[in-house]
Amino acid sequence: MTDSPTGSFCKDVSLATRSAHTASNRIANLKLFFALRDATLFREFLLSFHFLYEAFESEWKAQMGTDTRMGRILREVWTPELERSGRLRRDLEFYYDHDNSIWGRLSKERREYVGYVHKRLREKPHLVLAYAHTQYLGLFAGGRIVRSKLMKSIGFFPKKEGVSEEKVGREGMGIFTFDGINDIASENNLRHNFKSKIDRIAADELTRSEREEIIEEAKEIFRRNGKLMQEIEIRGESTRMIMQSAANYGAMLVAMSFAILPVLEPKEGQAQVLADLIKNITSGASINEAGCKTYYFFIPETASSISSTPTIHGIELYTSQDALTGEHLQSPQFGELGKWLQAGNCANSPDLGGYNVEFGFIDRTAPKESDFVFVATLICKPGQRAAVLDKWRTCAPWVWENEPDTYSYLFLTSMEDENKIVIFERYKNKEALTETHYGGPKFQEVQPFMKENVAEKKTENFKWAGFGFISKDKLQ
């Protein structure tokens, strides 16, 4: 396969579908914010995706029974440990207490999606690989996070007389577990071997047009998955209570945000020019870009002034990736920055790699001249990012309630490096970090776990650059 931009077909699919995946994730994050606190909503998610898995897995099995080129290929890729429809059926019997009426509960979106899957895979069996990539590989990333959250959700699972909640919980999470695999290392091996099968098949067996069609189908899957989740209705008293809890420390922002962390290195004599260009963009973004929620810039703590700073750093939060690419980057103000970049005035190529906002808060106060900014980058040991996030997760509301001089405390995960976490922190002064925060019980509580599960840690100190906004509610 000589036409692969990355050398791996699985990576090619991920790269080509990033925008569609982000849009689908935005809907999923918002819905799951509620569903992970209410089993009656969560089971509706499972029911919707049961119909999807059942449709494409049944077509896959049918094709494996044929004496054809594609039947041979699909037999080679088939991995029994990943089959989900049977596990989902058992999960649903558990959550719905063996109510057989649910199997006929096909809403409009469910019915249309199932019909579409059967028709497409009978016409073009190679498209099974699009469903395999999107629906199986996600179990090892977001699936782990959901599994961890559920196991720690007190009162989430239905009560079963004489059975502990922990045991009950294990019965309701077949979707996220694999036969004969009980540890993260084994899960990682399963994931690696499955991806390797697809990469080899794509390189050696598929035509260029088949690979292109699989990528396009993967985009369509994310679009339809978003519609499938969108139809799940969030309602009731639990929603009111969760909304109130979310308001306490900006959790709804977390459910909706996409972030970038640009770093620009202006060449000699260009730092002030760059600052002025960013100020101009800030003005436009604050007025004209509904999807831009945070646009805040900072410079190294040791820089004596903007005109002499070696780098300008930023944190930008958007309601979606499309708000960045379709609204922000197309603005006339950004166009001026683009011209400056094209003229060779920047020593580096700005990184626009995306981050998902996981939890925390950003906007206790408006930017202040005294802002002390701290950025920590954690590289977790393989397979440990979800567990590390869970350890930090209880810190954000505690810090909000008990550390008034902590102005921002936001946890981001890289969309490109599955082991990377970035923590953006903003304080009244340096002492609020080194004395109050570091000395706090929550910070101390997580440190032993971090030492065991974080392979690398990098910390950097900054100060506010004097321009940008932390949120539109707190414009200067």
Protein backbone atom coordinates (compact mmCIF):
# COMPACT_ATOMS: atom_id res chain seq x y z
CA MET A 1 0.00 0.00 0.00
CA THR A 2 1.94 3.01 -1.27
CA ASP A 3 -0.83 5.61 -0.96
CA SER A 4 -0.98 5.65 2.87
CA PRO A 5 -0.09 9.06 4.37
CA THR A 6 0.85 7.46 7.72
CA GLY A 7 2.04 3.95 6.81
CA SER A 8 -0.87 2.42 8.77
CA PHE A 9 -4.37 2.09 7.37
CA CYS A 10 -5.90 2.28 10.85
CA LYS A 11 -4.10 5.58 11.40
CA ASP A 12 -5.24 6.76 7.96
CA VAL A 13 -8.86 6.10 8.95
CA SER A 14 -8.45 7.91 12.28
CA LEU A 15 -6.84 10.89 10.59
CA ALA A 16 -9.43 11.15 7.81
CA THR A 17 -12.39 10.82 10.21
CA ARG A 18 -11.13 13.15 12.95
CA SER A 19 -13.64 15.91 12.25
CA ALA A 20 -16.60 13.51 12.03
CA HIS A 21 -15.40 11.64 15.13
CA THR A 22 -15.08 14.89 17.10
CA ALA A 23 -18.62 15.94 16.17
CA SER A 24 -19.95 12.53 17.23
CA ASN A 25 -17.94 12.67 20.47
CA ARG A 26 -19.37 16.08 21.28
CA ILE A 27 -22.88 14.62 21.27
CA ALA A 28 -21.75 11.48 23.11
CA ASN A 29 -19.98 13.43 25.86
CA LEU A 30 -22.99 15.61 26.52
CA LYS A 31 -25.44 12.69 26.59
CA LEU A 32 -23.13 10.44 28.61
CA PHE A 33 -22.64 13.21 31.16
CA PHE A 34 -26.21 12.44 32.19
CA ALA A 35 -26.47 8.76 31.24
CA LEU A 36 -23.56 7.72 33.47
CA ARG A 37 -25.58 8.93 36.44
CA ASP A 38 -28.86 7.27 35.48
CA ALA A 39 -29.06 3.59 34.50
CA THR A 40 -32.40 4.09 32.74
CA LEU A 41 -30.68 6.43 30.28
CA PHE A 42 -27.54 4.32 30.01
CA ARG A 43 -29.52 1.24 29.01
CA GLU A 44 -31.06 3.22 26.14
CA PHE A 45 -27.54 3.83 24.82
CA LEU A 46 -26.82 0.12 25.06
CA LEU A 47 -30.06 -0.77 23.29
CA SER A 48 -29.33 1.56 20.39
CA PHE A 49 -25.85 0.16 19.90
CA HIS A 50 -27.01 -3.42 20.37
CA PHE A 51 -29.04 -3.06 17.17
CA LEU A 52 -25.97 -1.65 15.37
CA TYR A 53 -23.56 -4.36 16.52
CA GLU A 54 -26.10 -7.10 15.80
CA ALA A 55 -26.58 -5.78 12.26
CA PHE A 56 -22.96 -5.55 11.19
CA GLU A 57 -21.78 -8.66 13.07
CA SER A 58 -24.53 -10.77 11.51
CA GLU A 59 -23.54 -9.55 8.04
CA TRP A 60 -19.87 -10.23 8.83
CA LYS A 61 -20.66 -13.82 9.84
CA ALA A 62 -22.78 -14.32 6.73
CA GLN A 63 -19.91 -13.16 4.51
CA MET A 64 -17.44 -15.44 6.32
CA GLY A 65 -19.57 -18.37 5.22
CA THR A 66 -19.08 -17.59 1.54
CA ASP A 67 -16.41 -19.05 -0.73
CA THR A 68 -15.29 -15.64 -2.01
CA ARG A 69 -12.23 -13.38 -1.82
CA MET A 70 -13.97 -11.12 0.70
CA GLY A 71 -15.22 -14.10 2.70
CA ARG A 72 -11.60 -15.25 3.11
CA ILE A 73 -10.44 -11.75 4.08
CA LEU A 74 -13.19 -11.29 6.66
CA ARG A 75 -12.50 -14.74 8.16
CA GLU A 76 -8.90 -13.65 8.68
CA VAL A 77 -9.83 -10.38 10.41
CA TRP A 78 -12.61 -11.87 12.59
CA THR A 79 -11.60 -11.81 16.28
CA PRO A 80 -14.07 -13.71 18.49
CA GLU A 81 -13.06 -11.85 21.67
CA LEU A 82 -14.34 -8.60 20.14
CA GLU A 83 -17.81 -9.81 19.22
CA ARG A 84 -20.26 -7.58 21.11
CA SER A 85 -23.86 -8.41 20.18
CA GLY A 86 -24.12 -11.38 22.54
CA ARG A 87 -22.57 -9.45 25.42
CA LEU A 88 -24.85 -6.49 24.80
CA ARG A 89 -27.86 -8.78 24.83
CA ARG A 90 -26.86 -10.10 28.27
CA ASP A 91 -26.25 -6.55 29.53
CA LEU A 92 -29.68 -5.48 28.32
CA GLU A 93 -31.41 -8.46 29.90
CA PHE A 94 -29.76 -7.35 33.14
CA TYR A 95 -30.75 -3.66 32.89
CA TYR A 96 -34.28 -4.34 31.61
CA ASP A 97 -34.85 -7.33 33.93
CA HIS A 98 -35.47 -9.76 31.02
CA ASP A 99 -38.19 -7.64 29.41
CA ASN A 100 -38.38 -9.25 25.95
CA SER A 101 -40.40 -6.38 24.51
CA ILE A 102 -37.21 -4.30 24.15
CA TRP A 103 -36.01 -6.33 21.15
CA GLY A 104 -38.77 -4.80 19.04
CA ARG A 105 -38.15 -1.26 20.26
CA LEU A 106 -36.85 0.11 16.98
CA SER A 107 -37.14 3.90 16.89
CA LYS A 108 -36.98 5.77 13.58
CA GLU A 109 -33.20 6.30 13.79
CA ARG A 110 -32.55 2.74 14.91
CA ARG A 111 -34.68 1.26 12.13
CA GLU A 112 -33.11 3.43 9.43
CA TYR A 113 -29.57 2.73 10.65
CA VAL A 114 -30.08 -1.05 10.85
CA GLY A 115 -31.61 -1.13 7.37
CA TYR A 116 -28.74 0.96 6.03
CA VAL A 117 -26.10 -1.36 7.54
CA HIS A 118 -27.63 -4.52 6.10
CA LYS A 119 -28.02 -2.99 2.64
CA ARG A 120 -24.50 -1.51 2.50
CA LEU A 121 -22.69 -4.61 3.73
CA ARG A 122 -24.54 -6.90 1.35
CA GLU A 123 -23.65 -4.63 -1.55
CA LYS A 124 -20.04 -4.00 -0.47
CA PRO A 125 -18.82 -6.54 2.08
CA HIS A 126 -15.41 -4.87 2.48
CA LEU A 127 -17.17 -2.04 4.32
CA VAL A 128 -17.42 -4.40 7.31
CA LEU A 129 -13.89 -3.18 8.08
CA ALA A 130 -15.19 0.38 8.58
CA TYR A 131 -17.55 -0.88 11.29
CA ALA A 132 -14.83 -3.06 12.79
CA HIS A 133 -12.49 -0.08 13.06
CA THR A 134 -14.98 2.42 14.47
CA GLN A 135 -16.98 0.14 16.76
CA TYR A 136 -14.28 -2.12 18.18
CA LEU A 137 -11.25 0.13 18.62
CA GLY A 138 -13.30 2.67 20.56
CA LEU A 139 -13.83 0.01 23.25
CA PHE A 140 -10.17 0.35 24.20
CA ALA A 141 -10.19 4.14 24.61
CA GLY A 142 -13.48 5.77 25.58
CA GLY A 143 -14.83 2.38 26.62
CA ARG A 144 -12.22 2.07 29.35
CA ILE A 145 -13.11 5.50 30.70
CA VAL A 146 -16.83 4.69 30.79
CA ARG A 147 -16.13 1.32 32.43
CA SER A 148 -14.02 2.96 35.15
CA LYS A 149 -16.64 5.64 35.80
CA LEU A 150 -19.42 3.09 36.09
CA MET A 151 -17.54 0.91 38.57
CA LYS A 152 -17.14 3.94 40.83
CA SER A 153 -20.71 5.23 40.47
CA ILE A 154 -22.37 4.58 43.81
CA GLY A 155 -26.04 3.69 43.40
CA PHE A 156 -25.89 3.48 39.61
CA PHE A 157 -26.64 -0.22 39.19
CA PRO A 158 -30.02 -1.84 39.86
CA LYS A 159 -30.38 -3.38 43.31
CA LYS A 160 -30.29 -7.20 43.42
CA GLU A 161 -31.27 -8.85 46.67
CA GLY A 162 -28.36 -10.69 48.30
CA VAL A 163 -25.83 -9.51 45.67
CA SER A 164 -23.17 -6.82 46.29
CA GLU A 165 -23.22 -3.71 44.12
CA GLU A 166 -19.70 -4.52 42.88
CA LYS A 167 -20.81 -7.95 41.64
CA VAL A 168 -23.98 -6.48 40.16
CA GLY A 169 -21.84 -3.91 38.34
CA ARG A 170 -19.73 -6.60 36.71
CA GLU A 171 -22.90 -8.19 35.34
CA GLY A 172 -23.90 -4.97 33.58
CA MET A 173 -20.66 -4.18 31.76
CA GLY A 174 -20.17 -7.00 29.27
CA ILE A 175 -19.93 -4.41 26.50
CA PHE A 176 -16.59 -3.26 27.93
CA THR A 177 -15.02 -6.64 28.80
CA PHE A 178 -13.44 -9.46 26.82
CA ASP A 179 -13.48 -13.23 27.34
CA GLY A 180 -10.30 -14.50 29.01
CA ILE A 181 -8.77 -11.01 29.32
CA ASN A 182 -8.55 -9.50 32.78
CA ASP A 183 -5.83 -6.84 32.66
CA ILE A 184 -4.93 -3.73 30.66
CA ALA A 185 -1.77 -5.26 29.18
CA SER A 186 -3.76 -8.12 27.66
CA GLU A 187 -6.39 -5.69 26.37
CA ASN A 188 -3.61 -3.66 24.74
CA ASN A 189 -2.26 -6.80 23.06
CA LEU A 190 -5.75 -7.63 21.75
CA ARG A 191 -6.11 -4.12 20.36
CA HIS A 192 -2.63 -4.18 18.80
CA ASN A 193 -3.16 -7.56 17.15
CA PHE A 194 -6.54 -6.52 15.75
CA LYS A 195 -5.15 -3.29 14.29
CA SER A 196 -2.22 -5.22 12.82
CA LYS A 197 -4.64 -7.58 11.06
CA ILE A 198 -6.50 -4.67 9.47
CA ASP A 199 -3.26 -2.91 8.48
CA ARG A 200 -1.89 -6.05 6.84
CA ILE A 201 -5.14 -6.81 5.01
CA ALA A 202 -5.40 -3.22 3.80
CA ALA A 203 -1.81 -3.24 2.54
CA ASP A 204 -1.81 -6.67 0.90
CA GLU A 205 -5.40 -7.53 -0.02
CA LEU A 206 -7.53 -4.43 -0.59
CA THR A 207 -7.62 -2.24 -3.65
CA ARG A 208 -7.14 1.50 -3.42
CA SER A 209 -10.83 2.14 -4.14
CA GLU A 210 -11.85 -0.33 -1.39
CA ARG A 211 -9.64 1.49 1.12
CA GLU A 212 -11.09 4.84 0.10
CA GLU A 213 -14.64 3.53 0.41
CA ILE A 214 -13.91 2.19 3.91
CA ILE A 215 -12.69 5.62 5.00
CA GLU A 216 -15.81 7.31 3.61
CA GLU A 217 -18.02 4.72 5.30
CA ALA A 218 -16.27 5.36 8.63
CA LYS A 219 -17.19 9.05 8.33
CA GLU A 220 -20.80 8.07 7.68
CA ILE A 221 -20.77 5.76 10.72
CA PHE A 222 -19.72 8.59 13.02
CA ARG A 223 -22.42 10.82 11.55
CA ARG A 224 -25.10 8.17 12.06
CA ASN A 225 -23.82 7.32 15.53
CA GLY A 226 -24.28 10.98 16.44
CA LYS A 227 -27.89 10.91 15.21
CA LEU A 228 -28.48 7.68 17.11
CA MET A 229 -27.34 9.28 20.36
CA GLN A 230 -29.12 12.53 19.67
CA GLU A 231 -32.53 10.89 19.77
CA ILE A 232 -32.06 9.64 23.36
CA GLU A 233 -34.17 11.92 25.49
CA ILE A 234 -32.69 13.36 28.69
CA ARG A 235 -35.38 14.20 31.18
CA GLY A 236 -36.56 14.05 34.78
CA GLU A 237 -35.42 15.02 38.25
CA SER A 238 -31.98 13.45 37.86
CA THR A 239 -31.27 15.91 35.04
CA ARG A 240 -32.18 18.89 37.21
CA MET A 241 -29.88 17.70 39.98
CA ILE A 242 -27.00 17.00 37.60
CA MET A 243 -27.39 20.39 35.95
CA GLN A 244 -27.12 22.02 39.36
CA SER A 245 -24.01 20.01 40.18
CA ALA A 246 -22.48 20.89 36.83
CA ALA A 247 -23.02 24.59 37.44
CA ASN A 248 -20.88 24.39 40.57
CA TYR A 249 -17.61 24.17 38.69
CA GLY A 250 -18.23 24.48 34.98
CA ALA A 251 -18.65 20.78 34.21
CA MET A 252 -20.98 21.49 31.30
CA LEU A 253 -18.09 23.26 29.60
CA VAL A 254 -16.17 20.00 29.89
CA ALA A 255 -18.92 18.07 28.15
CA MET A 256 -18.82 20.31 25.11
CA SER A 257 -15.27 21.55 24.55
CA PHE A 258 -12.47 20.97 22.06
CA ALA A 259 -9.10 22.57 22.83
CA ILE A 260 -5.84 23.49 21.19
CA LEU A 261 -2.65 24.67 22.90
CA PRO A 262 -0.72 26.70 20.30
CA VAL A 263 2.94 27.61 20.85
CA LEU A 264 4.50 30.26 18.60
CA GLU A 265 8.19 31.20 18.42
CA PRO A 266 8.47 34.64 16.79
CA LYS A 267 11.77 35.41 15.13
CA GLU A 268 13.88 38.28 16.45
CA GLY A 269 12.00 41.58 16.38
CA GLN A 270 8.65 39.92 15.62
CA ALA A 271 7.25 39.22 19.11
CA GLN A 272 5.38 42.51 19.44
CA VAL A 273 4.04 42.21 15.90
CA LEU A 274 2.72 38.74 16.74
CA ALA A 275 1.16 40.01 19.98
CA ASP A 276 -0.64 42.77 18.09
CA LEU A 277 -1.97 40.27 15.55
CA ILE A 278 -3.30 38.03 18.35
CA LYS A 279 -4.94 41.03 20.04
CA ASN A 280 -6.74 41.79 16.78
CA ILE A 281 -7.90 38.17 16.49
CA THR A 282 -9.05 38.26 20.13
CA SER A 283 -11.27 41.24 19.42
CA GLY A 284 -12.94 39.49 16.50
CA ALA A 285 -13.30 36.17 18.30
CA SER A 286 -14.94 37.78 21.34
CA ILE A 287 -17.62 39.42 19.19
CA ASN A 288 -18.13 37.30 16.08
CA GLU A 289 -17.30 33.68 16.99
CA ALA A 290 -19.99 31.98 19.06
CA GLY A 291 -18.02 28.74 19.07
CA CYS A 292 -14.87 30.26 20.60
CA LYS A 293 -15.20 30.16 24.40
CA THR A 294 -11.66 30.77 25.66
CA TYR A 295 -8.80 32.58 23.93
CA TYR A 296 -6.10 33.21 26.51
CA PHE A 297 -2.36 33.77 26.00
CA PHE A 298 0.66 33.55 28.27
CA ILE A 299 4.44 33.87 28.10
CA PRO A 300 7.33 32.28 30.03
CA GLU A 301 7.62 33.47 33.64
CA THR A 302 11.19 34.64 32.94
CA ALA A 303 10.29 36.86 29.96
CA SER A 304 10.82 40.53 30.84
CA SER A 305 8.29 41.82 28.28
CA ILE A 306 6.18 40.86 25.30
CA SER A 307 8.68 42.36 22.87
CA SER A 308 11.47 40.14 24.19
CA THR A 309 9.58 36.89 24.85
CA PRO A 310 10.96 33.83 23.03
CA THR A 311 7.53 32.18 22.81
CA ILE A 312 3.83 33.00 23.09
CA HIS A 313 1.57 30.19 24.34
CA GLY A 314 -2.20 29.92 24.27
CA ILE A 315 -5.17 27.90 25.38
CA GLU A 316 -8.16 28.02 23.03
CA LEU A 317 -11.47 26.30 23.81
CA TYR A 318 -14.17 25.74 21.20
CA THR A 319 -17.59 24.14 21.24
CA SER A 320 -16.36 21.82 18.47
CA GLN A 321 -13.49 21.25 16.08
CA ASP A 322 -15.63 22.78 13.34
CA ALA A 323 -15.80 26.03 15.35
CA LEU A 324 -12.03 26.21 15.02
CA THR A 325 -11.61 25.12 11.40
CA GLY A 326 -14.77 26.57 9.92
CA GLU A 327 -15.24 29.76 11.92
CA HIS A 328 -12.00 30.83 13.59
CA LEU A 329 -9.41 29.90 10.98
CA GLN A 330 -11.56 31.45 8.24
CA SER A 331 -11.88 34.84 9.96
CA PRO A 332 -10.23 37.86 8.28
CA GLN A 333 -8.29 38.57 11.49
CA PHE A 334 -6.75 35.12 11.44
CA GLY A 335 -6.02 35.63 7.76
CA GLU A 336 -3.63 38.43 8.74
CA LEU A 337 -1.82 36.06 11.10
CA GLY A 338 -1.67 33.53 8.28
CA LYS A 339 0.09 36.07 6.06
CA TRP A 340 2.59 36.78 8.86
CA LEU A 341 3.28 33.06 9.23
CA GLN A 342 3.67 32.56 5.47
CA ALA A 343 6.19 35.40 5.41
CA GLY A 344 8.51 33.28 7.56
CA ASN A 345 8.29 35.36 10.73
CA CYS A 346 7.78 32.35 13.01
CA ALA A 347 10.61 29.94 13.83
CA ASN A 348 8.26 27.00 14.33
CA SER A 349 5.16 25.57 12.71
CA PRO A 350 2.29 26.06 15.21
CA ASP A 351 0.90 22.78 16.49
CA LEU A 352 -2.90 22.60 16.09
CA GLY A 353 -3.17 19.08 17.54
CA GLY A 354 -6.50 18.71 19.29
CA TYR A 355 -7.37 17.96 22.91
CA ASN A 356 -10.56 16.79 24.54
CA VAL A 357 -11.54 18.69 27.69
CA GLU A 358 -12.20 16.07 30.36
CA PHE A 359 -13.16 17.99 33.52
CA GLY A 360 -12.31 20.96 35.72
CA PHE A 361 -12.98 24.68 35.54
CA ILE A 362 -11.49 27.58 33.59
CA ASP A 363 -13.10 30.86 34.60
CA ARG A 364 -13.30 31.60 38.33
CA THR A 365 -12.02 35.12 37.57
CA ALA A 366 -11.15 37.30 34.60
CA PRO A 367 -7.46 37.47 33.61
CA LYS A 368 -5.34 39.58 35.94
CA GLU A 369 -1.90 41.09 35.52
CA SER A 370 -0.68 38.97 38.42
CA ASP A 371 -1.93 35.66 36.94
CA PHE A 372 0.53 32.84 37.51
CA VAL A 373 0.03 30.12 34.90
CA PHE A 374 1.25 26.56 35.35
CA VAL A 375 1.09 23.82 32.70
CA ALA A 376 1.79 20.17 33.57
CA THR A 377 2.18 17.54 30.86
CA LEU A 378 1.83 13.93 31.96
CA ILE A 379 2.76 10.92 29.83
CA CYS A 380 1.00 7.99 31.46
CA LYS A 381 2.26 4.47 31.34
CA PRO A 382 0.57 2.53 28.50
CA GLY A 383 -3.08 1.84 29.23
CA GLN A 384 -3.14 3.92 32.43
CA ARG A 385 -4.52 7.27 31.23
CA ALA A 386 -8.12 6.50 32.23
CA ALA A 387 -7.04 5.39 35.71
CA VAL A 388 -4.88 8.51 36.16
CA LEU A 389 -7.78 10.74 35.11
CA ASP A 390 -10.08 8.99 37.58
CA LYS A 391 -7.65 9.72 40.41
CA TRP A 392 -7.62 13.42 39.53
CA ARG A 393 -11.35 13.63 38.84
CA THR A 394 -12.40 14.25 42.43
CA CYS A 395 -9.82 17.04 42.79
CA ALA A 396 -11.55 19.58 40.54
CA PRO A 397 -14.72 20.14 42.61
CA TRP A 398 -12.68 20.03 45.83
CA VAL A 399 -10.23 22.65 44.52
CA TRP A 400 -13.15 24.81 43.39
CA GLU A 401 -14.71 24.72 46.84
CA ASN A 402 -11.55 25.02 48.95
CA GLU A 403 -8.90 26.93 46.97
CA PRO A 404 -10.31 30.33 45.98
CA ASP A 405 -6.91 31.47 44.66
CA THR A 406 -6.94 28.70 42.04
CA TYR A 407 -8.52 30.46 39.06
CA SER A 408 -8.34 27.66 36.43
CA TYR A 409 -7.90 23.91 36.83
CA LEU A 410 -8.57 22.11 33.56
CA PHE A 411 -7.68 18.57 32.47
CA LEU A 412 -7.14 17.87 28.75
CA THR A 413 -6.37 14.64 26.90
CA SER A 414 -4.52 14.51 23.61
CA MET A 415 -6.47 13.25 20.60
CA GLU A 416 -3.20 12.07 19.01
CA ASP A 417 -1.29 10.51 21.95
CA GLU A 418 -3.42 8.06 23.93
CA ASN A 419 -1.11 8.37 26.97
CA LYS A 420 -0.92 12.17 27.22
CA ILE A 421 -2.70 14.46 29.71
CA VAL A 422 -2.20 18.24 29.96
CA ILE A 423 -3.31 20.16 33.06
CA PHE A 424 -3.84 23.91 32.59
CA GLU A 425 -3.72 25.78 35.89
CA ARG A 426 -4.01 29.48 36.71
CA TYR A 427 -3.42 31.00 40.15
CA LYS A 428 -3.59 34.32 41.97
CA ASN A 429 0.16 34.04 42.52
CA LYS A 430 2.89 31.41 42.63
CA GLU A 431 2.35 30.76 46.34
CA ALA A 432 -1.22 29.67 45.65
CA LEU A 433 0.31 26.76 43.72
CA THR A 434 3.44 25.91 45.69
CA GLU A 435 1.99 26.37 49.18
CA THR A 436 -1.81 26.11 49.09
CA HIS A 437 -2.40 23.67 46.23
CA TYR A 438 0.65 21.44 46.69
CA GLY A 439 -0.01 21.36 50.41
CA GLY A 440 -3.69 20.48 50.01
CA PRO A 441 -5.00 17.04 51.01
CA LYS A 442 -6.41 16.17 47.58
CA PHE A 443 -3.11 16.86 45.81
CA GLN A 444 -1.19 14.83 48.39
CA GLU A 445 -3.71 12.01 48.15
CA VAL A 446 -3.07 11.31 44.46
CA GLN A 447 0.74 11.58 44.44
CA PRO A 448 1.61 7.92 45.24
CA PHE A 449 -0.66 6.75 42.41
CA MET A 450 0.92 9.27 40.00
CA LYS A 451 4.42 8.02 40.79
CA GLU A 452 3.34 4.48 39.96
CA ASN A 453 1.38 5.22 36.77
CA VAL A 454 2.96 8.30 35.12
CA ALA A 455 6.07 7.60 33.04
CA GLU A 456 7.05 11.23 32.34
CA LYS A 457 6.10 14.62 33.77
CA LYS A 458 6.96 18.07 32.46
CA THR A 459 6.02 21.33 34.22
CA GLU A 460 6.31 24.91 32.96
CA ASN A 461 5.74 28.29 34.63
CA PHE A 462 4.14 31.23 32.80
CA LYS A 463 2.47 34.58 33.32
CA TRP A 464 -0.43 36.21 31.49
CA ALA A 465 0.63 37.89 28.24
CA GLY A 466 -1.83 40.76 28.83
CA PHE A 467 -4.30 39.82 26.09
CA GLY A 468 -6.98 37.24 25.41
CA PHE A 469 -10.07 36.24 27.37
CA ILE A 470 -10.58 33.35 29.75
CA SER A 471 -14.33 33.30 29.02
CA LYS A 472 -16.77 35.62 27.31
CA ASP A 473 -18.60 36.09 30.60
CA LYS A 474 -15.45 37.68 31.99
CA LEU A 475 -14.19 39.88 29.17
CA GLN A 476 -11.85 42.67 30.22
